[in-house]
Amino acid sequence: MDTALLVSRLLDVIERDIAPVTRAGVARGNKLFGAAILRKSDLSVVVAETNNEIENPLWHGEMHAIKRFFELPTDRRPDVKDCLFLATHEPCSLCLSGITWSGFDNFYYLFSHEDSRDAFAIPYDIQILKAVYAVPDPGKDSVPPDRPLYNRTNRYWASHNIVQMIASLDRDNREALLGRFDDLNGLYGDLSATYQKGKGAKGIPLA
């Protein structure tokens, strides 16, 4: 599929399918991370979910979507290899593992780990990847600060940064899609402000 059409559809899903359930989840005290699983064939939505950490701290947006996906009857659930995985935010270490163990061969995300830390005041993705997984080179006390946090393309899946995809397009498509990104950035900024006002009240371990 044409990259501009693919990106446009992914933004549609975030705006129309993920954001509404995320707004309701944030109102209950959950974080603003969400995810959807789509059929590769026609980009129709199989499931769209959001963070549900107030029920279980493992139910990040991606993990909750995976849970719902595998709860579907087998006759309604496509094979994971026939699916596209979409996350509003770059998956954390838990969700990277969940995507891998579930067998998805791809994921797409809108906001980066740095966005989660800097724009949405949720720094744990980077902190955990560095504290738990980043092993220094032999004989060294620290990990080089410019070392990638994970292999973004590997034997299991390829990851795709939607903002970088937009940047690769021709001017007309780029400007149109950046306008849509700006709208979503504002929407998620509002959700973040709501979450930040009430965080800590629901007992989420890493609020």
N, C-alpha and C. Protein backbone atom coordinates (compact mmCIF):
# COMPACT_ATOMS: atom_id res chain seq x y z
N MET A 1 0.84 -1.20 0.00
CA MET A 1 0.00 0.00 0.00
C MET A 1 0.88 1.25 0.00
N ASP A 2 0.40 2.27 -0.66
CA ASP A 2 1.07 3.56 -0.66
C ASP A 2 1.28 4.05 0.77
N THR A 3 2.49 4.58 1.06
CA THR A 3 2.83 4.97 2.43
C THR A 3 1.88 6.04 2.97
N ALA A 4 1.55 7.03 2.15
CA ALA A 4 0.66 8.10 2.61
C ALA A 4 -0.72 7.55 2.97
N LEU A 5 -1.24 6.62 2.18
CA LEU A 5 -2.54 6.04 2.47
C LEU A 5 -2.49 5.19 3.74
N LEU A 6 -1.38 4.45 3.91
CA LEU A 6 -1.22 3.65 5.11
C LEU A 6 -1.18 4.53 6.35
N VAL A 7 -0.37 5.58 6.31
CA VAL A 7 -0.26 6.47 7.46
C VAL A 7 -1.61 7.12 7.75
N SER A 8 -2.30 7.55 6.72
CA SER A 8 -3.60 8.18 6.91
C SER A 8 -4.56 7.22 7.61
N ARG A 9 -4.57 5.98 7.20
CA ARG A 9 -5.45 4.99 7.83
C ARG A 9 -5.05 4.76 9.29
N LEU A 10 -3.75 4.68 9.57
CA LEU A 10 -3.31 4.47 10.95
C LEU A 10 -3.72 5.64 11.84
N LEU A 11 -3.62 6.85 11.32
CA LEU A 11 -4.07 8.02 12.08
C LEU A 11 -5.58 7.98 12.29
N ASP A 12 -6.31 7.50 11.27
CA ASP A 12 -7.75 7.32 11.43
C ASP A 12 -8.07 6.40 12.61
N VAL A 13 -7.35 5.29 12.68
CA VAL A 13 -7.62 4.29 13.73
C VAL A 13 -7.30 4.88 15.10
N ILE A 14 -6.20 5.60 15.21
CA ILE A 14 -5.87 6.23 16.49
C ILE A 14 -6.97 7.21 16.89
N GLU A 15 -7.39 8.04 15.94
CA GLU A 15 -8.37 9.08 16.26
C GLU A 15 -9.75 8.50 16.55
N ARG A 16 -10.20 7.54 15.74
CA ARG A 16 -11.59 7.09 15.80
C ARG A 16 -11.82 5.85 16.66
N ASP A 17 -10.79 5.00 16.80
CA ASP A 17 -10.97 3.74 17.50
C ASP A 17 -10.24 3.68 18.84
N ILE A 18 -9.00 4.16 18.87
CA ILE A 18 -8.22 4.07 20.10
C ILE A 18 -8.50 5.23 21.04
N ALA A 19 -8.47 6.46 20.52
CA ALA A 19 -8.61 7.63 21.39
C ALA A 19 -9.91 7.64 22.19
N PRO A 20 -11.05 7.26 21.62
CA PRO A 20 -12.28 7.28 22.42
C PRO A 20 -12.24 6.33 23.63
N VAL A 21 -11.70 5.12 23.45
CA VAL A 21 -11.62 4.21 24.61
C VAL A 21 -10.54 4.67 25.58
N THR A 22 -9.50 5.33 25.05
CA THR A 22 -8.47 5.87 25.92
C THR A 22 -9.00 7.01 26.77
N ARG A 23 -9.82 7.85 26.18
CA ARG A 23 -10.41 8.95 26.95
C ARG A 23 -11.21 8.40 28.14
N ALA A 24 -11.98 7.35 27.90
CA ALA A 24 -12.73 6.73 28.99
C ALA A 24 -11.80 6.08 30.01
N GLY A 25 -10.71 5.47 29.53
CA GLY A 25 -9.76 4.85 30.45
C GLY A 25 -9.03 5.85 31.31
N VAL A 26 -8.63 6.97 30.71
CA VAL A 26 -7.95 8.02 31.47
C VAL A 26 -8.89 8.58 32.54
N ALA A 27 -10.16 8.71 32.20
CA ALA A 27 -11.13 9.22 33.17
C ALA A 27 -11.24 8.31 34.39
N ARG A 28 -10.93 7.03 34.21
CA ARG A 28 -10.96 6.07 35.32
C ARG A 28 -9.64 6.05 36.09
N GLY A 29 -8.60 6.71 35.56
CA GLY A 29 -7.32 6.76 36.25
C GLY A 29 -6.19 6.03 35.56
N ASN A 30 -6.42 5.53 34.35
CA ASN A 30 -5.39 4.82 33.60
C ASN A 30 -4.50 5.77 32.81
N LYS A 31 -3.33 5.28 32.41
CA LYS A 31 -2.46 6.04 31.51
C LYS A 31 -3.08 6.13 30.13
N LEU A 32 -2.44 6.93 29.26
CA LEU A 32 -3.03 7.27 27.97
C LEU A 32 -2.53 6.40 26.82
N PHE A 33 -1.90 5.29 27.10
CA PHE A 33 -1.36 4.45 26.04
C PHE A 33 -2.44 3.51 25.50
N GLY A 34 -2.51 3.39 24.17
CA GLY A 34 -3.49 2.52 23.55
C GLY A 34 -2.89 1.77 22.38
N ALA A 35 -3.65 0.81 21.86
CA ALA A 35 -3.17 0.00 20.75
C ALA A 35 -4.35 -0.60 19.99
N ALA A 36 -4.08 -0.99 18.76
CA ALA A 36 -5.08 -1.68 17.94
C ALA A 36 -4.38 -2.74 17.11
N ILE A 37 -5.13 -3.76 16.76
CA ILE A 37 -4.66 -4.81 15.87
C ILE A 37 -5.56 -4.79 14.64
N LEU A 38 -4.94 -4.68 13.47
CA LEU A 38 -5.66 -4.54 12.21
C LEU A 38 -5.33 -5.71 11.29
N ARG A 39 -6.24 -6.01 10.40
CA ARG A 39 -5.94 -6.97 9.33
C ARG A 39 -5.06 -6.30 8.29
N LYS A 40 -4.01 -6.97 7.88
CA LYS A 40 -3.14 -6.41 6.83
C LYS A 40 -3.88 -6.28 5.51
N SER A 41 -4.82 -7.18 5.25
CA SER A 41 -5.46 -7.24 3.94
C SER A 41 -6.25 -5.99 3.62
N ASP A 42 -7.00 -5.47 4.59
CA ASP A 42 -7.86 -4.32 4.32
C ASP A 42 -7.77 -3.23 5.40
N LEU A 43 -6.86 -3.43 6.37
CA LEU A 43 -6.64 -2.48 7.48
C LEU A 43 -7.90 -2.25 8.32
N SER A 44 -8.78 -3.24 8.35
CA SER A 44 -9.92 -3.17 9.25
C SER A 44 -9.47 -3.50 10.66
N VAL A 45 -10.15 -2.92 11.64
CA VAL A 45 -9.77 -3.09 13.03
C VAL A 45 -10.33 -4.41 13.58
N VAL A 46 -9.44 -5.19 14.18
CA VAL A 46 -9.86 -6.42 14.86
C VAL A 46 -10.18 -6.10 16.32
N VAL A 47 -9.25 -5.44 17.00
CA VAL A 47 -9.49 -4.95 18.35
C VAL A 47 -8.81 -3.59 18.50
N ALA A 48 -9.38 -2.75 19.34
CA ALA A 48 -8.77 -1.48 19.73
C ALA A 48 -8.93 -1.38 21.24
N GLU A 49 -7.82 -1.15 21.93
CA GLU A 49 -7.86 -1.16 23.39
C GLU A 49 -6.99 -0.04 23.95
N THR A 50 -7.05 0.07 25.27
CA THR A 50 -6.30 1.10 25.96
C THR A 50 -5.76 0.54 27.26
N ASN A 51 -4.94 1.32 27.91
CA ASN A 51 -4.34 0.93 29.18
C ASN A 51 -5.41 0.63 30.23
N ASN A 52 -5.20 -0.43 30.99
CA ASN A 52 -6.14 -0.79 32.05
C ASN A 52 -5.37 -1.21 33.30
N GLU A 53 -4.38 -0.39 33.69
CA GLU A 53 -3.52 -0.72 34.82
C GLU A 53 -4.25 -0.69 36.16
N ILE A 54 -5.39 -0.01 36.23
CA ILE A 54 -6.10 0.00 37.51
C ILE A 54 -6.70 -1.38 37.81
N GLU A 55 -6.87 -2.20 36.77
CA GLU A 55 -7.31 -3.59 36.97
C GLU A 55 -6.13 -4.51 37.20
N ASN A 56 -5.07 -4.32 36.41
CA ASN A 56 -3.89 -5.19 36.47
C ASN A 56 -2.72 -4.38 35.94
N PRO A 57 -1.62 -4.25 36.70
CA PRO A 57 -0.49 -3.42 36.23
C PRO A 57 0.16 -3.91 34.96
N LEU A 58 -0.15 -5.14 34.54
CA LEU A 58 0.39 -5.64 33.28
C LEU A 58 -0.45 -5.23 32.07
N TRP A 59 -1.65 -4.68 32.30
CA TRP A 59 -2.50 -4.35 31.18
C TRP A 59 -2.16 -2.98 30.61
N HIS A 60 -0.94 -2.88 30.09
CA HIS A 60 -0.59 -1.72 29.28
C HIS A 60 -1.47 -1.74 28.04
N GLY A 61 -1.50 -0.64 27.29
CA GLY A 61 -2.37 -0.59 26.13
C GLY A 61 -2.15 -1.74 25.17
N GLU A 62 -0.89 -2.02 24.87
CA GLU A 62 -0.56 -3.10 23.94
C GLU A 62 -0.91 -4.46 24.52
N MET A 63 -0.58 -4.66 25.79
CA MET A 63 -0.86 -5.95 26.42
C MET A 63 -2.37 -6.20 26.54
N HIS A 64 -3.11 -5.14 26.81
CA HIS A 64 -4.56 -5.28 26.91
C HIS A 64 -5.16 -5.60 25.55
N ALA A 65 -4.62 -5.00 24.48
CA ALA A 65 -5.09 -5.32 23.13
C ALA A 65 -4.78 -6.78 22.79
N ILE A 66 -3.59 -7.24 23.15
CA ILE A 66 -3.22 -8.64 22.89
C ILE A 66 -4.15 -9.58 23.66
N LYS A 67 -4.43 -9.25 24.91
CA LYS A 67 -5.34 -10.06 25.72
C LYS A 67 -6.70 -10.16 25.03
N ARG A 68 -7.25 -9.03 24.63
CA ARG A 68 -8.56 -9.02 23.98
C ARG A 68 -8.54 -9.78 22.65
N PHE A 69 -7.44 -9.65 21.93
CA PHE A 69 -7.30 -10.33 20.65
C PHE A 69 -7.40 -11.84 20.83
N PHE A 70 -6.67 -12.39 21.80
CA PHE A 70 -6.67 -13.84 21.98
C PHE A 70 -7.90 -14.35 22.72
N GLU A 71 -8.73 -13.45 23.22
CA GLU A 71 -10.01 -13.85 23.77
C GLU A 71 -11.09 -13.99 22.69
N LEU A 72 -10.80 -13.50 21.48
CA LEU A 72 -11.76 -13.63 20.39
C LEU A 72 -11.93 -15.09 19.99
N PRO A 73 -13.12 -15.49 19.56
CA PRO A 73 -13.30 -16.85 19.03
C PRO A 73 -12.36 -17.08 17.85
N THR A 74 -11.88 -18.28 17.71
CA THR A 74 -10.90 -18.57 16.66
C THR A 74 -11.43 -18.27 15.27
N ASP A 75 -12.72 -18.40 15.06
CA ASP A 75 -13.26 -18.13 13.74
C ASP A 75 -13.37 -16.64 13.43
N ARG A 76 -13.15 -15.81 14.43
CA ARG A 76 -13.16 -14.35 14.22
C ARG A 76 -11.77 -13.74 14.38
N ARG A 77 -10.80 -14.57 14.70
CA ARG A 77 -9.46 -14.06 15.00
C ARG A 77 -8.50 -14.43 13.88
N PRO A 78 -7.99 -13.45 13.14
CA PRO A 78 -7.02 -13.75 12.08
C PRO A 78 -5.69 -14.23 12.66
N ASP A 79 -4.91 -14.86 11.83
CA ASP A 79 -3.56 -15.26 12.24
C ASP A 79 -2.73 -14.00 12.49
N VAL A 80 -1.88 -14.06 13.51
CA VAL A 80 -1.08 -12.88 13.84
C VAL A 80 -0.21 -12.42 12.67
N LYS A 81 0.22 -13.35 11.83
CA LYS A 81 1.06 -12.97 10.68
C LYS A 81 0.28 -12.19 9.64
N ASP A 82 -1.04 -12.23 9.75
CA ASP A 82 -1.89 -11.47 8.83
C ASP A 82 -2.35 -10.16 9.45
N CYS A 83 -1.70 -9.76 10.54
CA CYS A 83 -2.14 -8.57 11.27
C CYS A 83 -1.06 -7.51 11.33
N LEU A 84 -1.51 -6.29 11.45
CA LEU A 84 -0.65 -5.13 11.69
C LEU A 84 -0.93 -4.66 13.11
N PHE A 85 0.14 -4.41 13.86
CA PHE A 85 0.02 -3.98 15.26
C PHE A 85 0.32 -2.49 15.33
N LEU A 86 -0.62 -1.74 15.89
CA LEU A 86 -0.51 -0.28 15.98
C LEU A 86 -0.53 0.14 17.44
N ALA A 87 0.46 0.91 17.86
CA ALA A 87 0.52 1.45 19.22
C ALA A 87 0.56 2.96 19.15
N THR A 88 -0.16 3.61 20.06
CA THR A 88 -0.09 5.07 20.08
C THR A 88 1.29 5.55 20.50
N HIS A 89 1.94 4.80 21.40
CA HIS A 89 3.25 5.16 21.91
C HIS A 89 4.21 3.99 21.72
N GLU A 90 5.46 4.30 21.51
CA GLU A 90 6.47 3.26 21.31
C GLU A 90 6.44 2.27 22.46
N PRO A 91 6.34 0.98 22.18
CA PRO A 91 6.14 -0.01 23.25
C PRO A 91 7.31 -0.07 24.23
N CYS A 92 6.95 -0.28 25.50
CA CYS A 92 7.94 -0.46 26.56
C CYS A 92 8.50 -1.88 26.49
N SER A 93 9.40 -2.21 27.42
CA SER A 93 10.02 -3.53 27.42
C SER A 93 8.99 -4.64 27.59
N LEU A 94 8.01 -4.43 28.46
CA LEU A 94 6.94 -5.43 28.64
C LEU A 94 6.19 -5.65 27.34
N CYS A 95 5.81 -4.58 26.68
CA CYS A 95 4.99 -4.69 25.48
C CYS A 95 5.80 -5.18 24.28
N LEU A 96 7.08 -4.81 24.22
CA LEU A 96 7.94 -5.39 23.19
C LEU A 96 7.97 -6.91 23.32
N SER A 97 8.07 -7.39 24.54
CA SER A 97 8.07 -8.84 24.77
C SER A 97 6.72 -9.45 24.43
N GLY A 98 5.64 -8.77 24.82
CA GLY A 98 4.31 -9.29 24.52
C GLY A 98 4.07 -9.40 23.03
N ILE A 99 4.47 -8.40 22.27
CA ILE A 99 4.33 -8.44 20.81
C ILE A 99 5.15 -9.59 20.24
N THR A 100 6.36 -9.78 20.76
CA THR A 100 7.24 -10.83 20.27
C THR A 100 6.67 -12.21 20.57
N TRP A 101 6.32 -12.46 21.83
CA TRP A 101 5.82 -13.77 22.24
C TRP A 101 4.50 -14.10 21.55
N SER A 102 3.72 -13.08 21.18
CA SER A 102 2.45 -13.33 20.52
C SER A 102 2.61 -13.68 19.04
N GLY A 103 3.76 -13.35 18.47
CA GLY A 103 4.04 -13.74 17.09
C GLY A 103 3.81 -12.67 16.04
N PHE A 104 3.51 -11.44 16.45
CA PHE A 104 3.36 -10.37 15.47
C PHE A 104 4.71 -10.05 14.83
N ASP A 105 4.70 -9.80 13.53
CA ASP A 105 5.98 -9.55 12.84
C ASP A 105 6.21 -8.07 12.56
N ASN A 106 5.41 -7.20 13.19
CA ASN A 106 5.54 -5.76 12.95
C ASN A 106 4.88 -5.00 14.07
N PHE A 107 5.24 -3.76 14.22
CA PHE A 107 4.41 -2.80 14.94
C PHE A 107 4.71 -1.39 14.45
N TYR A 108 3.71 -0.54 14.54
CA TYR A 108 3.79 0.87 14.16
C TYR A 108 3.45 1.69 15.39
N TYR A 109 4.12 2.84 15.56
CA TYR A 109 3.83 3.68 16.72
C TYR A 109 3.91 5.15 16.32
N LEU A 110 3.13 5.98 17.05
CA LEU A 110 3.06 7.41 16.73
C LEU A 110 4.03 8.23 17.56
N PHE A 111 4.00 8.06 18.88
CA PHE A 111 4.85 8.83 19.78
C PHE A 111 6.01 7.96 20.26
N SER A 112 7.19 8.55 20.33
CA SER A 112 8.41 7.81 20.69
C SER A 112 8.56 7.70 22.20
N HIS A 113 9.53 6.89 22.63
CA HIS A 113 9.87 6.82 24.05
C HIS A 113 10.21 8.20 24.60
N GLU A 114 10.94 8.97 23.79
CA GLU A 114 11.31 10.31 24.24
C GLU A 114 10.08 11.20 24.40
N ASP A 115 9.09 11.02 23.52
CA ASP A 115 7.84 11.76 23.68
C ASP A 115 7.14 11.36 24.98
N SER A 116 7.12 10.05 25.26
CA SER A 116 6.49 9.60 26.51
C SER A 116 7.14 10.27 27.71
N ARG A 117 8.46 10.37 27.68
CA ARG A 117 9.20 10.98 28.78
C ARG A 117 9.03 12.49 28.83
N ASP A 118 9.20 13.15 27.70
CA ASP A 118 9.30 14.61 27.70
C ASP A 118 7.94 15.32 27.55
N ALA A 119 7.09 14.79 26.69
CA ALA A 119 5.81 15.45 26.45
C ALA A 119 4.70 14.94 27.36
N PHE A 120 4.81 13.67 27.80
CA PHE A 120 3.73 13.06 28.57
C PHE A 120 4.13 12.71 30.00
N ALA A 121 5.35 13.09 30.39
CA ALA A 121 5.82 12.96 31.78
C ALA A 121 5.73 11.52 32.30
N ILE A 122 6.00 10.55 31.42
CA ILE A 122 6.04 9.15 31.82
C ILE A 122 7.39 8.59 31.37
N PRO A 123 8.39 8.61 32.25
CA PRO A 123 9.76 8.30 31.85
C PRO A 123 10.16 6.83 31.97
N TYR A 124 9.24 5.96 32.39
CA TYR A 124 9.64 4.62 32.82
C TYR A 124 10.12 3.73 31.69
N ASP A 125 9.61 3.93 30.47
CA ASP A 125 10.03 3.07 29.36
C ASP A 125 11.55 3.15 29.18
N ILE A 126 12.06 4.36 29.08
CA ILE A 126 13.49 4.54 28.89
C ILE A 126 14.26 4.12 30.14
N GLN A 127 13.76 4.50 31.30
CA GLN A 127 14.46 4.14 32.55
C GLN A 127 14.61 2.64 32.70
N ILE A 128 13.56 1.88 32.44
CA ILE A 128 13.62 0.43 32.60
C ILE A 128 14.52 -0.20 31.55
N LEU A 129 14.40 0.23 30.30
CA LEU A 129 15.27 -0.33 29.26
C LEU A 129 16.74 -0.10 29.57
N LYS A 130 17.06 1.06 30.14
CA LYS A 130 18.45 1.35 30.47
C LYS A 130 18.89 0.63 31.75
N ALA A 131 18.03 0.60 32.77
CA ALA A 131 18.41 0.03 34.06
C ALA A 131 18.47 -1.49 34.05
N VAL A 132 17.56 -2.11 33.30
CA VAL A 132 17.44 -3.57 33.35
C VAL A 132 18.17 -4.26 32.20
N TYR A 133 18.10 -3.67 31.00
CA TYR A 133 18.54 -4.40 29.81
C TYR A 133 19.87 -3.92 29.23
N ALA A 134 20.26 -2.69 29.50
CA ALA A 134 21.45 -2.13 28.86
C ALA A 134 22.70 -2.56 29.64
N VAL A 135 23.35 -3.62 29.18
CA VAL A 135 24.53 -4.17 29.85
C VAL A 135 25.79 -3.48 29.31
N PRO A 136 26.66 -2.98 30.19
CA PRO A 136 27.89 -2.32 29.71
C PRO A 136 28.78 -3.28 28.94
N ASP A 137 29.61 -2.75 28.08
CA ASP A 137 30.62 -3.55 27.39
C ASP A 137 31.60 -4.12 28.41
N PRO A 138 32.23 -5.25 28.12
CA PRO A 138 33.19 -5.82 29.06
C PRO A 138 34.25 -4.80 29.47
N GLY A 139 34.49 -4.70 30.77
CA GLY A 139 35.48 -3.79 31.29
C GLY A 139 35.01 -2.36 31.45
N LYS A 140 33.74 -2.10 31.10
CA LYS A 140 33.20 -0.75 31.21
C LYS A 140 32.21 -0.68 32.36
N ASP A 141 32.08 0.52 32.95
CA ASP A 141 31.15 0.70 34.07
C ASP A 141 29.79 1.22 33.63
N SER A 142 29.71 1.79 32.44
CA SER A 142 28.45 2.36 32.00
C SER A 142 28.22 2.05 30.53
N VAL A 143 26.98 2.21 30.11
CA VAL A 143 26.59 1.96 28.72
C VAL A 143 26.71 3.26 27.95
N PRO A 144 27.26 3.23 26.72
CA PRO A 144 27.34 4.46 25.92
C PRO A 144 25.95 5.10 25.80
N PRO A 145 25.84 6.41 26.03
CA PRO A 145 24.52 7.06 26.04
C PRO A 145 23.82 7.05 24.69
N ASP A 146 24.58 6.86 23.61
CA ASP A 146 23.96 6.87 22.28
C ASP A 146 23.61 5.47 21.79
N ARG A 147 23.76 4.46 22.63
CA ARG A 147 23.43 3.10 22.20
C ARG A 147 21.91 2.96 22.07
N PRO A 148 21.42 2.37 20.96
CA PRO A 148 19.97 2.17 20.81
C PRO A 148 19.39 1.37 21.98
N LEU A 149 18.16 1.68 22.34
CA LEU A 149 17.52 1.01 23.45
C LEU A 149 17.12 -0.42 23.11
N TYR A 150 16.87 -0.69 21.84
CA TYR A 150 16.55 -2.05 21.39
C TYR A 150 16.76 -2.13 19.89
N ASN A 151 16.77 -3.33 19.35
CA ASN A 151 16.94 -3.52 17.91
C ASN A 151 15.59 -3.32 17.22
N ARG A 152 15.45 -2.23 16.51
CA ARG A 152 14.15 -1.88 15.95
C ARG A 152 13.74 -2.74 14.76
N THR A 153 14.69 -3.44 14.17
CA THR A 153 14.40 -4.48 13.18
C THR A 153 15.23 -5.70 13.57
N ASN A 154 14.58 -6.83 13.69
CA ASN A 154 15.26 -8.04 14.16
C ASN A 154 14.59 -9.27 13.57
N ARG A 155 14.96 -10.46 14.04
CA ARG A 155 14.45 -11.69 13.44
C ARG A 155 12.97 -11.91 13.72
N TYR A 156 12.41 -11.18 14.68
CA TYR A 156 11.01 -11.38 15.05
C TYR A 156 10.07 -10.37 14.41
N TRP A 157 10.48 -9.10 14.33
CA TRP A 157 9.59 -8.07 13.82
C TRP A 157 10.39 -6.86 13.33
N ALA A 158 9.67 -6.02 12.60
CA ALA A 158 10.21 -4.72 12.21
C ALA A 158 9.29 -3.65 12.79
N SER A 159 9.89 -2.62 13.38
CA SER A 159 9.12 -1.52 13.95
C SER A 159 9.11 -0.34 12.98
N HIS A 160 8.07 0.47 13.09
CA HIS A 160 7.89 1.58 12.15
C HIS A 160 7.44 2.83 12.92
N ASN A 161 8.22 3.87 12.84
CA ASN A 161 7.92 5.15 13.48
C ASN A 161 7.07 5.97 12.50
N ILE A 162 5.82 6.22 12.84
CA ILE A 162 4.90 6.88 11.92
C ILE A 162 5.37 8.30 11.58
N VAL A 163 5.93 9.01 12.54
CA VAL A 163 6.41 10.37 12.27
C VAL A 163 7.55 10.34 11.25
N GLN A 164 8.43 9.35 11.36
CA GLN A 164 9.49 9.22 10.37
C GLN A 164 8.93 8.85 8.99
N MET A 165 7.88 8.04 8.99
CA MET A 165 7.23 7.70 7.72
C MET A 165 6.67 8.96 7.07
N ILE A 166 6.04 9.82 7.87
CA ILE A 166 5.50 11.07 7.34
C ILE A 166 6.62 11.94 6.77
N ALA A 167 7.74 12.00 7.47
CA ALA A 167 8.86 12.84 7.03
C ALA A 167 9.43 12.40 5.69
N SER A 168 9.22 11.14 5.32
CA SER A 168 9.78 10.61 4.07
C SER A 168 8.90 10.91 2.85
N LEU A 169 7.73 11.48 3.06
CA LEU A 169 6.77 11.68 1.98
C LEU A 169 7.02 12.97 1.20
N ASP A 170 6.37 13.09 0.06
CA ASP A 170 6.44 14.34 -0.70
C ASP A 170 5.78 15.47 0.09
N ARG A 171 6.05 16.68 -0.34
CA ARG A 171 5.66 17.85 0.46
C ARG A 171 4.16 17.92 0.75
N ASP A 172 3.33 17.70 -0.27
CA ASP A 172 1.89 17.84 -0.07
C ASP A 172 1.37 16.82 0.95
N ASN A 173 1.74 15.57 0.76
CA ASN A 173 1.30 14.54 1.71
C ASN A 173 1.89 14.78 3.09
N ARG A 174 3.15 15.19 3.13
CA ARG A 174 3.80 15.43 4.41
C ARG A 174 3.09 16.53 5.19
N GLU A 175 2.78 17.64 4.54
CA GLU A 175 2.14 18.74 5.24
C GLU A 175 0.74 18.37 5.71
N ALA A 176 0.00 17.64 4.88
CA ALA A 176 -1.36 17.24 5.27
C ALA A 176 -1.33 16.31 6.47
N LEU A 177 -0.42 15.35 6.46
CA LEU A 177 -0.36 14.38 7.55
C LEU A 177 0.26 14.97 8.80
N LEU A 178 1.18 15.91 8.65
CA LEU A 178 1.71 16.58 9.83
C LEU A 178 0.62 17.41 10.52
N GLY A 179 -0.29 17.97 9.74
CA GLY A 179 -1.41 18.67 10.33
C GLY A 179 -2.27 17.74 11.17
N ARG A 180 -2.49 16.53 10.67
CA ARG A 180 -3.26 15.55 11.43
C ARG A 180 -2.50 15.10 12.67
N PHE A 181 -1.18 14.95 12.53
CA PHE A 181 -0.36 14.60 13.70
C PHE A 181 -0.46 15.69 14.76
N ASP A 182 -0.42 16.94 14.35
CA ASP A 182 -0.54 18.04 15.31
C ASP A 182 -1.86 17.95 16.07
N ASP A 183 -2.93 17.61 15.37
CA ASP A 183 -4.23 17.47 16.03
C ASP A 183 -4.20 16.35 17.07
N LEU A 184 -3.61 15.22 16.70
CA LEU A 184 -3.52 14.09 17.64
C LEU A 184 -2.58 14.42 18.79
N ASN A 185 -1.53 15.15 18.50
CA ASN A 185 -0.62 15.56 19.57
C ASN A 185 -1.36 16.42 20.59
N GLY A 186 -2.22 17.31 20.12
CA GLY A 186 -3.03 18.11 21.03
C GLY A 186 -4.02 17.28 21.81
N LEU A 187 -4.66 16.33 21.14
CA LEU A 187 -5.62 15.45 21.80
C LEU A 187 -4.95 14.67 22.93
N TYR A 188 -3.78 14.09 22.62
CA TYR A 188 -3.09 13.31 23.65
C TYR A 188 -2.46 14.19 24.71
N GLY A 189 -2.15 15.43 24.36
CA GLY A 189 -1.71 16.37 25.38
C GLY A 189 -2.80 16.64 26.40
N ASP A 190 -4.03 16.76 25.93
CA ASP A 190 -5.16 16.96 26.83
C ASP A 190 -5.38 15.72 27.71
N LEU A 191 -5.29 14.54 27.12
CA LEU A 191 -5.44 13.30 27.89
C LEU A 191 -4.34 13.19 28.94
N SER A 192 -3.13 13.59 28.57
CA SER A 192 -2.02 13.55 29.51
C SER A 192 -2.26 14.47 30.69
N ALA A 193 -2.76 15.68 30.40
CA ALA A 193 -3.02 16.62 31.49
C ALA A 193 -4.06 16.06 32.45
N THR A 194 -5.09 15.39 31.92
CA THR A 194 -6.10 14.77 32.78
C THR A 194 -5.48 13.67 33.63
N TYR A 195 -4.66 12.83 33.01
CA TYR A 195 -4.02 11.75 33.76
C TYR A 195 -3.11 12.30 34.85
N GLN A 196 -2.30 13.28 34.50
CA GLN A 196 -1.33 13.81 35.46
C GLN A 196 -2.01 14.42 36.69
N LYS A 197 -3.18 15.00 36.49
CA LYS A 197 -3.90 15.60 37.62
C LYS A 197 -4.32 14.56 38.65
N GLY A 198 -4.66 13.36 38.18
CA GLY A 198 -5.19 12.37 39.10
C GLY A 198 -4.31 11.18 39.36
N LYS A 199 -3.09 11.17 38.79
CA LYS A 199 -2.27 9.97 38.89
C LYS A 199 -1.88 9.69 40.34
N GLY A 200 -1.71 8.45 40.65
CA GLY A 200 -1.34 8.03 41.99
C GLY A 200 -2.52 7.66 42.86
N ALA A 201 -3.72 8.03 42.43
CA ALA A 201 -4.89 7.78 43.26
C ALA A 201 -5.41 6.35 43.13
N LYS A 202 -4.99 5.63 42.07
CA LYS A 202 -5.53 4.30 41.81
C LYS A 202 -4.57 3.17 42.18
N GLY A 203 -3.43 3.50 42.75
CA GLY A 203 -2.50 2.46 43.19
C GLY A 203 -1.67 1.82 42.10
N ILE A 204 -1.55 2.46 40.93
CA ILE A 204 -0.69 1.93 39.87
C ILE A 204 0.76 2.01 40.34
N PRO A 205 1.53 0.91 40.31
CA PRO A 205 2.90 0.92 40.85
C PRO A 205 3.81 2.00 40.29
N LEU A 206 3.82 2.16 38.96
CA LEU A 206 4.65 3.17 38.32
C LEU A 206 3.73 4.21 37.70
N ALA A 207 3.20 5.08 38.53
CA ALA A 207 2.29 6.11 38.03
C ALA A 207 3.06 7.31 37.52
